[in-house]
Amino acid sequence: MASNGREFKSVVVAFDGSKDSVKAVRLACSIAAKFGSKLTVAHVYSSPTMVFSGGAGMPIPNYTELEEAAKQNGEAILSRGVQLAAQAGAKARGELLEGPSVVEALVGLATDQKADLVVVGTRGLTGFKRLIVGSVSSGLVGHSQCPVLVVR
């Protein structure tokens, strides 16, 4: 039991392959070991979105291959996160989520699993890293129904 009386029965850790998410997984493993928590490593991927206008009389393209490639990439990243947890001595379940909003997907997962803690790195691998530093961690802090631990 935590010093404030809180039990961490279920911990969700966000993993995107970034250095900070590696640190988050390691710390989440430590917490899970200390409190006997169920640990879930989560990765959120987005299907590619493309704007297409059929005005030129061209057929609508099939993006199934792009969507499958995005999912396979997400599965590979998630697998690395679960392996990292195993190397740290933790038994973790992997959860691959698809959605346009990383924050919304992670908050939904944490809510569904009745998580007692969400662990996330300070900075991820978003393309807007220099502009929106920590947008996912900030969003989780603002919207999660349970405590969020941000790892630097």
N, C-alpha and C. Protein backbone atom coordinates (compact mmCIF):
# COMPACT_ATOMS: atom_id res chain seq x y z
N MET A 1 0.85 -1.18 0.00
CA MET A 1 0.00 0.00 0.00
C MET A 1 0.90 1.24 0.00
N ALA A 2 0.49 2.24 -0.75
CA ALA A 2 1.26 3.48 -0.84
C ALA A 2 1.16 4.24 0.47
N SER A 3 2.08 5.16 0.67
CA SER A 3 2.12 5.90 1.93
C SER A 3 0.86 6.73 2.17
N ASN A 4 0.12 7.06 1.10
CA ASN A 4 -1.12 7.82 1.27
C ASN A 4 -2.33 6.91 1.41
N GLY A 5 -2.08 5.61 1.57
CA GLY A 5 -3.18 4.67 1.72
C GLY A 5 -3.69 4.14 0.40
N ARG A 6 -3.16 4.60 -0.72
CA ARG A 6 -3.60 4.18 -2.05
C ARG A 6 -2.95 2.85 -2.41
N GLU A 7 -3.74 1.96 -2.97
CA GLU A 7 -3.22 0.70 -3.48
C GLU A 7 -3.13 0.81 -5.00
N PHE A 8 -2.07 0.28 -5.55
CA PHE A 8 -1.89 0.27 -7.00
C PHE A 8 -2.11 -1.15 -7.51
N LYS A 9 -3.37 -1.55 -7.61
CA LYS A 9 -3.70 -2.90 -8.07
C LYS A 9 -3.53 -3.03 -9.58
N SER A 10 -3.77 -1.94 -10.29
CA SER A 10 -3.69 -1.96 -11.75
C SER A 10 -2.94 -0.73 -12.23
N VAL A 11 -1.87 -0.95 -13.00
CA VAL A 11 -1.04 0.13 -13.51
C VAL A 11 -1.00 0.04 -15.03
N VAL A 12 -1.23 1.16 -15.69
CA VAL A 12 -1.12 1.25 -17.14
C VAL A 12 0.08 2.13 -17.45
N VAL A 13 0.94 1.67 -18.36
CA VAL A 13 2.09 2.48 -18.76
C VAL A 13 2.03 2.68 -20.27
N ALA A 14 2.17 3.92 -20.70
CA ALA A 14 2.16 4.26 -22.12
C ALA A 14 3.56 4.06 -22.69
N PHE A 15 3.63 3.41 -23.86
CA PHE A 15 4.93 3.15 -24.48
C PHE A 15 4.87 3.48 -25.96
N ASP A 16 5.80 4.36 -26.40
CA ASP A 16 5.89 4.68 -27.83
C ASP A 16 7.29 4.46 -28.39
N GLY A 17 8.17 3.91 -27.58
CA GLY A 17 9.53 3.64 -28.03
C GLY A 17 10.52 4.75 -27.74
N SER A 18 10.05 5.88 -27.26
CA SER A 18 10.94 7.00 -26.94
C SER A 18 11.75 6.71 -25.68
N LYS A 19 12.82 7.47 -25.47
CA LYS A 19 13.65 7.28 -24.27
C LYS A 19 12.82 7.45 -23.00
N ASP A 20 11.98 8.47 -22.97
CA ASP A 20 11.18 8.71 -21.77
C ASP A 20 10.15 7.59 -21.54
N SER A 21 9.63 7.00 -22.63
CA SER A 21 8.67 5.90 -22.42
C SER A 21 9.39 4.64 -21.94
N VAL A 22 10.66 4.46 -22.31
CA VAL A 22 11.45 3.36 -21.78
C VAL A 22 11.61 3.54 -20.27
N LYS A 23 11.92 4.76 -19.85
CA LYS A 23 12.04 5.06 -18.42
C LYS A 23 10.70 4.82 -17.71
N ALA A 24 9.60 5.18 -18.38
CA ALA A 24 8.28 5.00 -17.79
C ALA A 24 7.99 3.51 -17.57
N VAL A 25 8.33 2.67 -18.55
CA VAL A 25 8.11 1.23 -18.40
C VAL A 25 8.93 0.68 -17.24
N ARG A 26 10.18 1.09 -17.16
CA ARG A 26 11.04 0.59 -16.07
C ARG A 26 10.49 0.99 -14.70
N LEU A 27 10.04 2.23 -14.57
CA LEU A 27 9.48 2.68 -13.29
C LEU A 27 8.15 1.98 -13.00
N ALA A 28 7.33 1.81 -14.02
CA ALA A 28 6.05 1.11 -13.82
C ALA A 28 6.29 -0.33 -13.37
N CYS A 29 7.33 -0.96 -13.91
CA CYS A 29 7.68 -2.33 -13.49
C CYS A 29 8.08 -2.35 -12.02
N SER A 30 8.85 -1.36 -11.62
CA SER A 30 9.27 -1.27 -10.22
C SER A 30 8.07 -1.09 -9.30
N ILE A 31 7.16 -0.24 -9.69
CA ILE A 31 5.93 -0.01 -8.90
C ILE A 31 5.10 -1.28 -8.84
N ALA A 32 4.94 -1.94 -10.00
CA ALA A 32 4.15 -3.18 -10.05
C ALA A 32 4.75 -4.25 -9.16
N ALA A 33 6.09 -4.35 -9.15
CA ALA A 33 6.75 -5.34 -8.30
C ALA A 33 6.54 -5.03 -6.83
N LYS A 34 6.64 -3.76 -6.49
CA LYS A 34 6.51 -3.37 -5.08
C LYS A 34 5.10 -3.58 -4.55
N PHE A 35 4.09 -3.30 -5.38
CA PHE A 35 2.71 -3.36 -4.91
C PHE A 35 1.94 -4.58 -5.42
N GLY A 36 2.60 -5.45 -6.19
CA GLY A 36 1.91 -6.62 -6.73
C GLY A 36 0.83 -6.24 -7.72
N SER A 37 1.09 -5.21 -8.49
CA SER A 37 0.09 -4.67 -9.42
C SER A 37 0.01 -5.47 -10.71
N LYS A 38 -1.18 -5.45 -11.30
CA LYS A 38 -1.37 -5.94 -12.66
C LYS A 38 -0.84 -4.84 -13.56
N LEU A 39 0.04 -5.17 -14.52
CA LEU A 39 0.69 -4.16 -15.36
C LEU A 39 0.27 -4.32 -16.81
N THR A 40 -0.14 -3.21 -17.41
CA THR A 40 -0.49 -3.19 -18.83
C THR A 40 0.39 -2.17 -19.53
N VAL A 41 1.11 -2.64 -20.56
CA VAL A 41 1.88 -1.74 -21.42
C VAL A 41 0.97 -1.42 -22.61
N ALA A 42 0.76 -0.13 -22.86
CA ALA A 42 -0.16 0.29 -23.92
C ALA A 42 0.55 1.12 -24.97
N HIS A 43 0.19 0.86 -26.22
CA HIS A 43 0.68 1.68 -27.33
C HIS A 43 -0.52 2.09 -28.17
N VAL A 44 -0.55 3.36 -28.54
CA VAL A 44 -1.63 3.89 -29.37
C VAL A 44 -1.05 4.25 -30.73
N TYR A 45 -1.69 3.74 -31.78
CA TYR A 45 -1.28 4.10 -33.13
C TYR A 45 -2.47 4.73 -33.84
N SER A 46 -2.18 5.50 -34.88
CA SER A 46 -3.23 6.12 -35.67
C SER A 46 -3.20 5.55 -37.08
N SER A 47 -4.35 5.21 -37.59
CA SER A 47 -4.43 4.81 -38.99
C SER A 47 -4.16 6.04 -39.83
N PRO A 48 -3.52 5.85 -40.98
CA PRO A 48 -3.25 7.01 -41.83
C PRO A 48 -4.55 7.63 -42.31
N THR A 49 -4.58 8.93 -42.31
CA THR A 49 -5.75 9.64 -42.84
C THR A 49 -5.32 10.40 -44.09
N MET A 50 -6.11 10.28 -45.10
CA MET A 50 -5.79 10.95 -46.35
C MET A 50 -7.04 11.65 -46.85
N VAL A 51 -6.82 12.82 -47.38
CA VAL A 51 -7.92 13.58 -47.97
C VAL A 51 -7.94 13.25 -49.45
N PHE A 52 -9.10 12.89 -49.94
CA PHE A 52 -9.22 12.53 -51.35
C PHE A 52 -10.44 13.20 -51.92
N SER A 53 -10.27 13.76 -53.06
CA SER A 53 -11.39 14.38 -53.76
C SER A 53 -11.67 13.58 -55.01
N GLY A 54 -12.87 13.12 -55.14
CA GLY A 54 -13.26 12.35 -56.32
C GLY A 54 -13.70 13.24 -57.46
N GLY A 55 -13.51 14.53 -57.33
CA GLY A 55 -13.96 15.48 -58.34
C GLY A 55 -13.30 15.30 -59.68
N ALA A 56 -12.11 14.76 -59.73
CA ALA A 56 -11.40 14.61 -61.00
C ALA A 56 -11.82 13.33 -61.71
N GLY A 57 -12.76 12.59 -61.16
CA GLY A 57 -13.22 11.37 -61.79
C GLY A 57 -12.32 10.18 -61.53
N MET A 58 -11.37 10.34 -60.61
CA MET A 58 -10.47 9.24 -60.29
C MET A 58 -11.14 8.32 -59.27
N PRO A 59 -10.80 7.04 -59.32
CA PRO A 59 -11.38 6.12 -58.33
C PRO A 59 -10.84 6.41 -56.94
N ILE A 60 -11.62 6.08 -55.94
CA ILE A 60 -11.18 6.25 -54.55
C ILE A 60 -10.15 5.17 -54.25
N PRO A 61 -8.95 5.58 -53.80
CA PRO A 61 -7.90 4.59 -53.54
C PRO A 61 -8.21 3.71 -52.33
N ASN A 62 -7.61 2.52 -52.30
CA ASN A 62 -7.77 1.59 -51.20
C ASN A 62 -6.57 1.75 -50.27
N TYR A 63 -6.81 2.15 -49.04
CA TYR A 63 -5.73 2.39 -48.09
C TYR A 63 -5.54 1.25 -47.10
N THR A 64 -6.08 0.10 -47.43
CA THR A 64 -5.98 -1.05 -46.55
C THR A 64 -4.52 -1.40 -46.23
N GLU A 65 -3.66 -1.35 -47.26
CA GLU A 65 -2.25 -1.69 -47.04
C GLU A 65 -1.59 -0.70 -46.09
N LEU A 66 -1.90 0.59 -46.23
CA LEU A 66 -1.33 1.60 -45.33
C LEU A 66 -1.83 1.40 -43.91
N GLU A 67 -3.11 1.09 -43.77
CA GLU A 67 -3.67 0.85 -42.44
C GLU A 67 -3.03 -0.37 -41.79
N GLU A 68 -2.82 -1.43 -42.59
CA GLU A 68 -2.21 -2.65 -42.06
C GLU A 68 -0.76 -2.38 -41.65
N ALA A 69 -0.04 -1.57 -42.44
CA ALA A 69 1.35 -1.24 -42.11
C ALA A 69 1.41 -0.45 -40.81
N ALA A 70 0.47 0.49 -40.60
CA ALA A 70 0.43 1.27 -39.36
C ALA A 70 0.17 0.35 -38.17
N LYS A 71 -0.74 -0.62 -38.34
CA LYS A 71 -1.04 -1.55 -37.25
C LYS A 71 0.16 -2.44 -36.96
N GLN A 72 0.83 -2.94 -38.00
CA GLN A 72 2.00 -3.79 -37.79
C GLN A 72 3.12 -3.02 -37.09
N ASN A 73 3.31 -1.77 -37.45
CA ASN A 73 4.31 -0.94 -36.78
C ASN A 73 3.94 -0.76 -35.30
N GLY A 74 2.66 -0.52 -35.04
CA GLY A 74 2.18 -0.39 -33.66
C GLY A 74 2.41 -1.67 -32.87
N GLU A 75 2.16 -2.83 -33.50
CA GLU A 75 2.38 -4.11 -32.84
C GLU A 75 3.85 -4.31 -32.50
N ALA A 76 4.74 -3.88 -33.41
CA ALA A 76 6.19 -4.03 -33.18
C ALA A 76 6.64 -3.15 -32.01
N ILE A 77 6.13 -1.93 -31.95
CA ILE A 77 6.48 -1.02 -30.85
C ILE A 77 5.96 -1.59 -29.53
N LEU A 78 4.71 -2.04 -29.53
CA LEU A 78 4.13 -2.62 -28.31
C LEU A 78 4.93 -3.84 -27.86
N SER A 79 5.33 -4.67 -28.79
CA SER A 79 6.11 -5.86 -28.46
C SER A 79 7.41 -5.48 -27.76
N ARG A 80 8.06 -4.41 -28.23
CA ARG A 80 9.30 -3.95 -27.58
C ARG A 80 9.01 -3.50 -26.15
N GLY A 81 7.89 -2.84 -25.94
CA GLY A 81 7.53 -2.40 -24.58
C GLY A 81 7.27 -3.56 -23.64
N VAL A 82 6.58 -4.57 -24.13
CA VAL A 82 6.29 -5.76 -23.31
C VAL A 82 7.59 -6.51 -23.02
N GLN A 83 8.48 -6.60 -24.03
CA GLN A 83 9.78 -7.26 -23.82
C GLN A 83 10.62 -6.50 -22.80
N LEU A 84 10.57 -5.18 -22.86
CA LEU A 84 11.30 -4.35 -21.90
C LEU A 84 10.81 -4.63 -20.48
N ALA A 85 9.50 -4.76 -20.33
CA ALA A 85 8.93 -5.09 -19.01
C ALA A 85 9.41 -6.46 -18.55
N ALA A 86 9.43 -7.42 -19.47
CA ALA A 86 9.89 -8.77 -19.12
C ALA A 86 11.36 -8.75 -18.69
N GLN A 87 12.17 -7.95 -19.39
CA GLN A 87 13.58 -7.83 -19.03
C GLN A 87 13.74 -7.22 -17.64
N ALA A 88 12.77 -6.39 -17.24
CA ALA A 88 12.81 -5.78 -15.91
C ALA A 88 12.20 -6.71 -14.86
N GLY A 89 11.79 -7.91 -15.28
CA GLY A 89 11.27 -8.89 -14.34
C GLY A 89 9.77 -8.80 -14.10
N ALA A 90 9.07 -8.05 -14.93
CA ALA A 90 7.62 -7.89 -14.73
C ALA A 90 6.85 -8.68 -15.78
N LYS A 91 5.73 -9.21 -15.38
CA LYS A 91 4.82 -9.85 -16.33
C LYS A 91 3.80 -8.79 -16.71
N ALA A 92 3.87 -8.36 -17.96
CA ALA A 92 2.97 -7.29 -18.41
C ALA A 92 2.13 -7.78 -19.57
N ARG A 93 0.93 -7.28 -19.62
CA ARG A 93 0.02 -7.54 -20.73
C ARG A 93 0.15 -6.38 -21.70
N GLY A 94 0.16 -6.64 -22.98
CA GLY A 94 0.22 -5.59 -23.98
C GLY A 94 -1.17 -5.22 -24.47
N GLU A 95 -1.37 -3.95 -24.73
CA GLU A 95 -2.67 -3.47 -25.23
C GLU A 95 -2.41 -2.50 -26.37
N LEU A 96 -2.77 -2.92 -27.60
CA LEU A 96 -2.62 -2.07 -28.78
C LEU A 96 -3.93 -1.35 -29.02
N LEU A 97 -3.86 -0.04 -29.07
CA LEU A 97 -5.06 0.77 -29.25
C LEU A 97 -4.93 1.58 -30.53
N GLU A 98 -6.02 1.74 -31.24
CA GLU A 98 -6.03 2.56 -32.45
C GLU A 98 -6.93 3.75 -32.21
N GLY A 99 -6.46 4.91 -32.58
CA GLY A 99 -7.31 6.09 -32.44
C GLY A 99 -6.57 7.36 -32.81
N PRO A 100 -7.30 8.37 -33.17
CA PRO A 100 -6.67 9.63 -33.54
C PRO A 100 -6.12 10.39 -32.34
N SER A 101 -6.65 10.10 -31.15
CA SER A 101 -6.20 10.80 -29.94
C SER A 101 -5.54 9.82 -28.98
N VAL A 102 -4.24 9.99 -28.78
CA VAL A 102 -3.50 9.14 -27.86
C VAL A 102 -4.06 9.32 -26.45
N VAL A 103 -4.30 10.55 -26.06
CA VAL A 103 -4.82 10.84 -24.72
C VAL A 103 -6.17 10.17 -24.51
N GLU A 104 -7.08 10.33 -25.45
CA GLU A 104 -8.41 9.75 -25.31
C GLU A 104 -8.34 8.23 -25.21
N ALA A 105 -7.50 7.61 -26.04
CA ALA A 105 -7.37 6.15 -26.02
C ALA A 105 -6.81 5.67 -24.68
N LEU A 106 -5.78 6.35 -24.17
CA LEU A 106 -5.18 5.94 -22.89
C LEU A 106 -6.12 6.18 -21.72
N VAL A 107 -6.82 7.30 -21.72
CA VAL A 107 -7.79 7.57 -20.65
C VAL A 107 -8.89 6.51 -20.69
N GLY A 108 -9.35 6.16 -21.89
CA GLY A 108 -10.38 5.12 -22.02
C GLY A 108 -9.90 3.78 -21.50
N LEU A 109 -8.68 3.40 -21.83
CA LEU A 109 -8.12 2.14 -21.35
C LEU A 109 -8.00 2.14 -19.83
N ALA A 110 -7.45 3.22 -19.29
CA ALA A 110 -7.29 3.32 -17.83
C ALA A 110 -8.64 3.23 -17.12
N THR A 111 -9.64 3.86 -17.70
CA THR A 111 -10.99 3.83 -17.11
C THR A 111 -11.57 2.42 -17.19
N ASP A 112 -11.46 1.80 -18.37
CA ASP A 112 -12.00 0.44 -18.56
C ASP A 112 -11.34 -0.56 -17.62
N GLN A 113 -10.05 -0.40 -17.40
CA GLN A 113 -9.32 -1.34 -16.54
C GLN A 113 -9.35 -0.94 -15.07
N LYS A 114 -10.04 0.15 -14.79
CA LYS A 114 -10.09 0.67 -13.41
C LYS A 114 -8.67 0.82 -12.86
N ALA A 115 -7.80 1.40 -13.69
CA ALA A 115 -6.40 1.58 -13.31
C ALA A 115 -6.29 2.50 -12.10
N ASP A 116 -5.35 2.18 -11.25
CA ASP A 116 -5.06 3.01 -10.08
C ASP A 116 -3.95 4.00 -10.36
N LEU A 117 -3.23 3.80 -11.48
CA LEU A 117 -2.12 4.68 -11.83
C LEU A 117 -1.83 4.54 -13.32
N VAL A 118 -1.55 5.68 -13.96
CA VAL A 118 -1.06 5.71 -15.34
C VAL A 118 0.34 6.29 -15.29
N VAL A 119 1.29 5.62 -15.94
CA VAL A 119 2.67 6.08 -15.99
C VAL A 119 2.98 6.44 -17.44
N VAL A 120 3.57 7.61 -17.62
CA VAL A 120 3.86 8.09 -18.98
C VAL A 120 5.16 8.88 -18.97
N GLY A 121 5.88 8.84 -20.08
CA GLY A 121 7.09 9.63 -20.21
C GLY A 121 6.76 11.10 -20.47
N THR A 122 7.72 11.95 -20.18
CA THR A 122 7.52 13.39 -20.39
C THR A 122 7.38 13.72 -21.86
N ARG A 123 8.25 13.14 -22.68
CA ARG A 123 8.24 13.45 -24.12
C ARG A 123 8.15 12.17 -24.91
N GLY A 124 7.35 12.22 -25.95
CA GLY A 124 7.20 11.07 -26.82
C GLY A 124 7.84 11.29 -28.17
N LEU A 125 7.39 10.54 -29.14
CA LEU A 125 7.97 10.60 -30.47
C LEU A 125 7.07 11.31 -31.47
N THR A 126 6.27 12.24 -31.04
CA THR A 126 5.39 12.93 -31.97
C THR A 126 6.18 13.82 -32.91
N GLY A 127 5.61 14.06 -34.06
CA GLY A 127 6.25 14.91 -35.05
C GLY A 127 6.32 16.37 -34.60
N PHE A 128 5.50 16.73 -33.65
CA PHE A 128 5.46 18.12 -33.18
C PHE A 128 6.24 18.28 -31.88
N LYS A 129 7.23 17.42 -31.66
CA LYS A 129 7.96 17.37 -30.41
C LYS A 129 8.46 18.74 -29.95
N ARG A 130 8.97 19.53 -30.86
CA ARG A 130 9.51 20.83 -30.47
C ARG A 130 8.41 21.84 -30.16
N LEU A 131 7.25 21.65 -30.78
CA LEU A 131 6.16 22.60 -30.58
C LEU A 131 5.29 22.26 -29.39
N ILE A 132 4.98 20.98 -29.25
CA ILE A 132 4.06 20.55 -28.20
C ILE A 132 4.76 19.55 -27.31
N VAL A 133 5.70 20.00 -26.52
CA VAL A 133 6.45 19.10 -25.65
C VAL A 133 5.53 18.62 -24.54
N GLY A 134 5.39 17.31 -24.45
CA GLY A 134 4.60 16.74 -23.37
C GLY A 134 3.10 16.87 -23.54
N SER A 135 2.61 16.94 -24.78
CA SER A 135 1.17 17.11 -24.97
C SER A 135 0.38 15.90 -24.47
N VAL A 136 0.92 14.69 -24.65
CA VAL A 136 0.23 13.49 -24.17
C VAL A 136 0.25 13.45 -22.65
N SER A 137 1.43 13.68 -22.06
CA SER A 137 1.50 13.65 -20.60
C SER A 137 0.61 14.73 -20.00
N SER A 138 0.62 15.91 -20.58
CA SER A 138 -0.24 17.00 -20.08
C SER A 138 -1.71 16.64 -20.22
N GLY A 139 -2.06 16.06 -21.36
CA GLY A 139 -3.45 15.65 -21.58
C GLY A 139 -3.90 14.59 -20.61
N LEU A 140 -3.03 13.63 -20.32
CA LEU A 140 -3.38 12.59 -19.34
C LEU A 140 -3.58 13.18 -17.95
N VAL A 141 -2.67 14.08 -17.57
CA VAL A 141 -2.81 14.72 -16.25
C VAL A 141 -4.15 15.44 -16.16
N GLY A 142 -4.54 16.09 -17.24
CA GLY A 142 -5.79 16.86 -17.24
C GLY A 142 -7.05 16.05 -17.34
N HIS A 143 -6.98 14.84 -17.93
CA HIS A 143 -8.22 14.10 -18.21
C HIS A 143 -8.35 12.74 -17.52
N SER A 144 -7.27 12.20 -16.98
CA SER A 144 -7.34 10.88 -16.36
C SER A 144 -8.14 10.94 -15.06
N GLN A 145 -8.87 9.86 -14.81
CA GLN A 145 -9.65 9.76 -13.58
C GLN A 145 -8.82 9.19 -12.42
N CYS A 146 -7.59 8.77 -12.73
CA CYS A 146 -6.71 8.24 -11.69
C CYS A 146 -5.41 9.02 -11.71
N PRO A 147 -4.56 8.86 -10.71
CA PRO A 147 -3.28 9.57 -10.69
C PRO A 147 -2.43 9.24 -11.91
N VAL A 148 -1.65 10.21 -12.35
CA VAL A 148 -0.74 10.05 -13.47
C VAL A 148 0.67 10.38 -12.98
N LEU A 149 1.59 9.47 -13.24
CA LEU A 149 2.98 9.68 -12.88
C LEU A 149 3.73 9.98 -14.17
N VAL A 150 4.31 11.17 -14.27
CA VAL A 150 5.04 11.59 -15.46
C VAL A 150 6.53 11.40 -15.19
N VAL A 151 7.18 10.61 -16.05
CA VAL A 151 8.59 10.26 -15.85
C VAL A 151 9.45 11.08 -16.78
N ARG A 152 10.49 11.68 -16.19
CA ARG A 152 11.43 12.48 -16.98
C ARG A 152 12.70 11.71 -17.17
